[in-house]
N, C-alpha and C. Protein backbone atom coordinates (compact mmCIF):
# COMPACT_ATOMS: atom_id res chain seq x y z
N UNK A 1 22.24 -33.83 12.74
CA UNK A 1 21.17 -34.81 12.64
C UNK A 1 20.50 -34.70 11.27
N UNK A 2 20.27 -35.84 10.68
CA UNK A 2 19.64 -35.89 9.35
C UNK A 2 18.11 -35.95 9.50
N UNK A 3 17.45 -35.09 8.74
CA UNK A 3 15.99 -35.08 8.71
C UNK A 3 15.52 -36.37 8.03
N UNK A 4 14.53 -37.02 8.65
CA UNK A 4 13.98 -38.26 8.10
C UNK A 4 12.94 -37.95 7.02
N UNK A 5 12.81 -38.86 6.07
CA UNK A 5 11.79 -38.71 5.03
C UNK A 5 10.42 -39.04 5.63
N UNK A 6 9.38 -38.64 4.94
CA UNK A 6 8.02 -38.94 5.41
C UNK A 6 7.80 -40.45 5.49
N UNK A 7 8.34 -41.20 4.53
CA UNK A 7 8.21 -42.66 4.55
C UNK A 7 8.91 -43.25 5.77
N UNK A 8 10.11 -42.75 6.08
CA UNK A 8 10.85 -43.23 7.26
C UNK A 8 10.09 -42.91 8.53
N UNK A 9 9.53 -41.72 8.60
CA UNK A 9 8.77 -41.30 9.78
C UNK A 9 7.55 -42.18 9.97
N UNK A 10 6.79 -42.39 8.90
CA UNK A 10 5.59 -43.21 9.00
C UNK A 10 5.91 -44.65 9.41
N UNK A 11 7.02 -45.18 8.92
CA UNK A 11 7.45 -46.54 9.30
C UNK A 11 7.75 -46.59 10.80
N UNK A 12 8.47 -45.59 11.29
CA UNK A 12 8.81 -45.54 12.71
C UNK A 12 7.58 -45.34 13.60
N UNK A 13 6.61 -44.60 13.09
CA UNK A 13 5.39 -44.34 13.87
C UNK A 13 4.55 -45.59 14.08
N UNK A 14 4.76 -46.61 13.25
CA UNK A 14 4.02 -47.87 13.44
C UNK A 14 4.30 -48.47 14.81
N UNK A 15 5.44 -48.14 15.40
CA UNK A 15 5.82 -48.68 16.71
C UNK A 15 5.44 -47.76 17.87
N UNK A 16 4.87 -46.59 17.54
CA UNK A 16 4.50 -45.63 18.58
C UNK A 16 3.00 -45.36 18.52
N UNK A 17 2.25 -46.11 19.28
CA UNK A 17 0.79 -45.96 19.28
C UNK A 17 0.39 -44.58 19.77
N UNK A 18 -0.51 -43.96 19.03
CA UNK A 18 -1.03 -42.66 19.45
C UNK A 18 -0.25 -41.47 18.93
N UNK A 19 0.87 -41.70 18.28
CA UNK A 19 1.67 -40.62 17.71
C UNK A 19 1.34 -40.48 16.23
N UNK A 20 1.40 -39.24 15.74
CA UNK A 20 1.14 -39.01 14.32
C UNK A 20 2.09 -37.95 13.77
N UNK A 21 2.26 -37.98 12.47
CA UNK A 21 3.11 -37.02 11.78
C UNK A 21 2.23 -35.90 11.25
N UNK A 22 2.49 -34.68 11.73
CA UNK A 22 1.71 -33.52 11.33
C UNK A 22 2.59 -32.29 11.42
N UNK A 23 2.44 -31.39 10.45
CA UNK A 23 3.13 -30.10 10.50
C UNK A 23 4.63 -30.25 10.74
N UNK A 24 5.26 -31.19 10.03
CA UNK A 24 6.71 -31.39 10.10
C UNK A 24 7.20 -31.78 11.49
N UNK A 25 6.34 -32.51 12.24
CA UNK A 25 6.68 -32.94 13.60
C UNK A 25 5.91 -34.21 13.92
N UNK A 26 6.31 -34.88 15.00
CA UNK A 26 5.50 -35.99 15.51
C UNK A 26 4.79 -35.48 16.76
N UNK A 27 3.53 -35.88 16.89
CA UNK A 27 2.68 -35.34 17.93
C UNK A 27 1.84 -36.41 18.60
N UNK A 28 1.52 -36.16 19.86
CA UNK A 28 0.62 -37.05 20.59
C UNK A 28 -0.09 -36.27 21.69
N UNK A 29 -1.03 -36.94 22.32
CA UNK A 29 -1.79 -36.34 23.42
C UNK A 29 -2.06 -37.43 24.44
N UNK A 30 -1.89 -37.10 25.71
CA UNK A 30 -2.16 -38.04 26.80
C UNK A 30 -3.18 -37.42 27.75
N UNK A 31 -4.03 -38.26 28.33
CA UNK A 31 -4.95 -37.82 29.37
C UNK A 31 -4.65 -38.61 30.63
N UNK A 32 -4.63 -37.90 31.75
CA UNK A 32 -4.31 -38.50 33.04
C UNK A 32 -5.49 -38.33 34.00
N UNK A 33 -5.33 -38.86 35.18
CA UNK A 33 -6.39 -38.83 36.19
C UNK A 33 -6.74 -37.40 36.60
N UNK A 34 -5.72 -36.57 36.80
CA UNK A 34 -5.95 -35.21 37.28
C UNK A 34 -4.72 -34.34 36.97
N UNK A 35 -4.77 -33.08 37.37
CA UNK A 35 -3.68 -32.15 37.10
C UNK A 35 -2.39 -32.58 37.78
N UNK A 36 -2.48 -33.04 39.02
CA UNK A 36 -1.30 -33.44 39.77
C UNK A 36 -0.55 -34.57 39.05
N UNK A 37 -1.27 -35.56 38.57
CA UNK A 37 -0.65 -36.68 37.84
C UNK A 37 -0.02 -36.18 36.53
N UNK A 38 -0.72 -35.28 35.86
CA UNK A 38 -0.20 -34.73 34.61
C UNK A 38 1.08 -33.95 34.85
N UNK A 39 1.07 -33.10 35.86
CA UNK A 39 2.25 -32.29 36.16
C UNK A 39 3.42 -33.17 36.62
N UNK A 40 3.12 -34.23 37.32
CA UNK A 40 4.15 -35.16 37.77
C UNK A 40 4.88 -35.79 36.58
N UNK A 41 4.14 -36.27 35.58
CA UNK A 41 4.78 -36.88 34.42
C UNK A 41 5.52 -35.83 33.61
N UNK A 42 5.01 -34.63 33.57
CA UNK A 42 5.72 -33.56 32.86
C UNK A 42 7.08 -33.29 33.51
N UNK A 43 7.13 -33.36 34.82
CA UNK A 43 8.39 -33.15 35.53
C UNK A 43 9.37 -34.27 35.20
N UNK A 44 8.90 -35.50 35.17
CA UNK A 44 9.77 -36.62 34.81
C UNK A 44 10.27 -36.50 33.38
N UNK A 45 9.39 -36.10 32.47
CA UNK A 45 9.79 -35.90 31.08
C UNK A 45 10.82 -34.77 30.99
N UNK A 46 10.63 -33.71 31.76
CA UNK A 46 11.55 -32.58 31.72
C UNK A 46 12.97 -32.99 32.09
N UNK A 47 13.12 -33.85 33.09
CA UNK A 47 14.46 -34.32 33.47
C UNK A 47 15.11 -35.11 32.34
N UNK A 48 14.33 -35.97 31.70
CA UNK A 48 14.85 -36.77 30.57
C UNK A 48 15.16 -35.88 29.37
N UNK A 49 14.31 -34.91 29.12
CA UNK A 49 14.54 -33.98 28.00
C UNK A 49 15.84 -33.22 28.20
N UNK A 50 16.07 -32.80 29.41
CA UNK A 50 17.32 -32.08 29.72
C UNK A 50 18.52 -33.00 29.52
N UNK A 51 18.42 -34.24 29.96
CA UNK A 51 19.52 -35.20 29.80
C UNK A 51 19.82 -35.46 28.32
N UNK A 52 18.77 -35.48 27.50
CA UNK A 52 18.94 -35.73 26.07
C UNK A 52 19.20 -34.44 25.28
N UNK A 53 19.12 -33.31 25.96
CA UNK A 53 19.25 -32.00 25.34
C UNK A 53 18.29 -31.87 24.16
N UNK A 54 17.06 -32.29 24.41
CA UNK A 54 16.01 -32.22 23.38
C UNK A 54 14.70 -31.93 24.09
N UNK A 55 14.18 -30.74 23.88
CA UNK A 55 13.06 -30.27 24.67
C UNK A 55 11.77 -30.23 23.85
N UNK A 56 10.74 -30.88 24.34
CA UNK A 56 9.48 -30.94 23.60
C UNK A 56 8.75 -29.59 23.62
N UNK A 57 7.95 -29.40 22.62
CA UNK A 57 6.98 -28.32 22.65
C UNK A 57 5.73 -28.97 23.22
N UNK A 58 5.19 -28.43 24.29
CA UNK A 58 4.05 -29.07 24.90
C UNK A 58 3.09 -28.07 25.52
N UNK A 59 1.86 -28.52 25.71
CA UNK A 59 0.86 -27.74 26.41
C UNK A 59 0.14 -28.67 27.38
N UNK A 60 -0.34 -28.07 28.44
CA UNK A 60 -1.05 -28.81 29.48
C UNK A 60 -2.30 -28.03 29.85
N UNK A 61 -3.44 -28.71 29.78
CA UNK A 61 -4.68 -28.14 30.27
C UNK A 61 -5.29 -29.20 31.18
N UNK A 62 -5.32 -28.89 32.47
CA UNK A 62 -5.80 -29.76 33.53
C UNK A 62 -5.19 -31.16 33.45
N UNK A 63 -5.89 -32.14 32.87
CA UNK A 63 -5.37 -33.51 32.86
C UNK A 63 -4.91 -33.96 31.47
N UNK A 64 -4.75 -33.01 30.55
CA UNK A 64 -4.35 -33.35 29.19
C UNK A 64 -2.98 -32.75 28.88
N UNK A 65 -2.12 -33.58 28.33
CA UNK A 65 -0.78 -33.16 27.94
C UNK A 65 -0.62 -33.42 26.44
N UNK A 66 -0.37 -32.36 25.68
CA UNK A 66 -0.13 -32.46 24.24
C UNK A 66 1.36 -32.21 23.99
N UNK A 67 1.98 -33.09 23.20
CA UNK A 67 3.42 -33.02 22.96
C UNK A 67 3.69 -32.99 21.46
N UNK A 68 4.60 -32.12 21.07
CA UNK A 68 5.07 -32.01 19.70
C UNK A 68 6.59 -32.09 19.70
N UNK A 69 7.13 -32.96 18.84
CA UNK A 69 8.58 -33.12 18.75
C UNK A 69 9.05 -32.88 17.32
N UNK A 70 10.08 -32.08 17.18
CA UNK A 70 10.81 -31.94 15.92
C UNK A 70 12.18 -31.36 16.25
N UNK A 71 13.11 -31.56 15.34
CA UNK A 71 14.46 -31.05 15.54
C UNK A 71 14.59 -29.80 14.68
N UNK A 72 14.51 -28.65 15.31
CA UNK A 72 14.49 -27.38 14.58
C UNK A 72 15.76 -27.17 13.75
N UNK A 73 16.90 -27.58 14.29
CA UNK A 73 18.17 -27.42 13.56
C UNK A 73 18.18 -28.20 12.25
N UNK A 74 17.45 -29.32 12.20
CA UNK A 74 17.40 -30.16 11.00
C UNK A 74 16.21 -29.81 10.12
N UNK A 75 15.31 -28.99 10.63
CA UNK A 75 14.15 -28.60 9.84
C UNK A 75 13.08 -29.67 9.73
N UNK A 76 13.01 -30.55 10.71
CA UNK A 76 11.99 -31.60 10.69
C UNK A 76 12.25 -32.68 11.72
N UNK A 77 11.73 -33.85 11.46
CA UNK A 77 11.81 -34.98 12.39
C UNK A 77 13.09 -35.77 12.14
N UNK A 78 13.80 -36.09 13.23
CA UNK A 78 15.04 -36.86 13.17
C UNK A 78 14.99 -38.02 14.16
N UNK A 79 16.04 -38.80 14.17
CA UNK A 79 16.17 -39.90 15.15
C UNK A 79 16.06 -39.37 16.58
N UNK A 80 16.55 -38.17 16.79
CA UNK A 80 16.51 -37.55 18.12
C UNK A 80 15.07 -37.44 18.63
N UNK A 81 14.16 -37.13 17.72
CA UNK A 81 12.75 -37.01 18.11
C UNK A 81 12.16 -38.36 18.49
N UNK A 82 12.53 -39.38 17.74
CA UNK A 82 12.02 -40.71 18.05
C UNK A 82 12.61 -41.23 19.36
N UNK A 83 13.85 -40.91 19.63
CA UNK A 83 14.45 -41.31 20.91
C UNK A 83 13.69 -40.65 22.07
N UNK A 84 13.36 -39.37 21.92
CA UNK A 84 12.62 -38.67 22.97
C UNK A 84 11.21 -39.23 23.09
N UNK A 85 10.56 -39.52 21.97
CA UNK A 85 9.21 -40.09 22.00
C UNK A 85 9.21 -41.45 22.71
N UNK A 86 10.21 -42.27 22.43
CA UNK A 86 10.31 -43.59 23.08
C UNK A 86 10.56 -43.43 24.57
N UNK A 87 11.36 -42.45 24.96
CA UNK A 87 11.59 -42.18 26.38
C UNK A 87 10.29 -41.76 27.06
N UNK A 88 9.54 -40.89 26.40
CA UNK A 88 8.26 -40.43 26.95
C UNK A 88 7.32 -41.62 27.13
N UNK A 89 7.24 -42.48 26.13
CA UNK A 89 6.38 -43.66 26.22
C UNK A 89 6.80 -44.55 27.39
N UNK A 90 8.10 -44.75 27.56
CA UNK A 90 8.60 -45.55 28.69
C UNK A 90 8.20 -44.95 30.02
N UNK A 91 8.32 -43.63 30.13
CA UNK A 91 7.95 -42.95 31.38
C UNK A 91 6.45 -43.09 31.67
N UNK A 92 5.65 -42.96 30.64
CA UNK A 92 4.20 -43.10 30.80
C UNK A 92 3.85 -44.51 31.26
N UNK A 93 4.50 -45.52 30.67
CA UNK A 93 4.22 -46.92 31.00
C UNK A 93 4.62 -47.25 32.45
N UNK A 94 5.66 -46.62 32.97
CA UNK A 94 6.14 -46.95 34.32
C UNK A 94 5.52 -46.08 35.39
N UNK A 95 4.63 -45.20 35.01
CA UNK A 95 4.02 -44.31 35.99
C UNK A 95 3.12 -45.08 36.92
């Protein structure tokens, strides 16, 4: 996978509301109704991450889920990260 340039990343981020480029990764944060809802979406994301063989770095505190994506093998953000981010957004929208 080819690492994307900062210009390419910023262009792609225009289509992903709430995501930002920081520390050589794309990052976002979601807030849900409660812990159960948060954990439920994390489980759905986990199944998709496994299918894509691309696992997010994430933290969860009660109803907040913070997600960081980067492709460590490429040393930065790649198309693989954007595919995972788009999948996450789709899952959030259909919840």
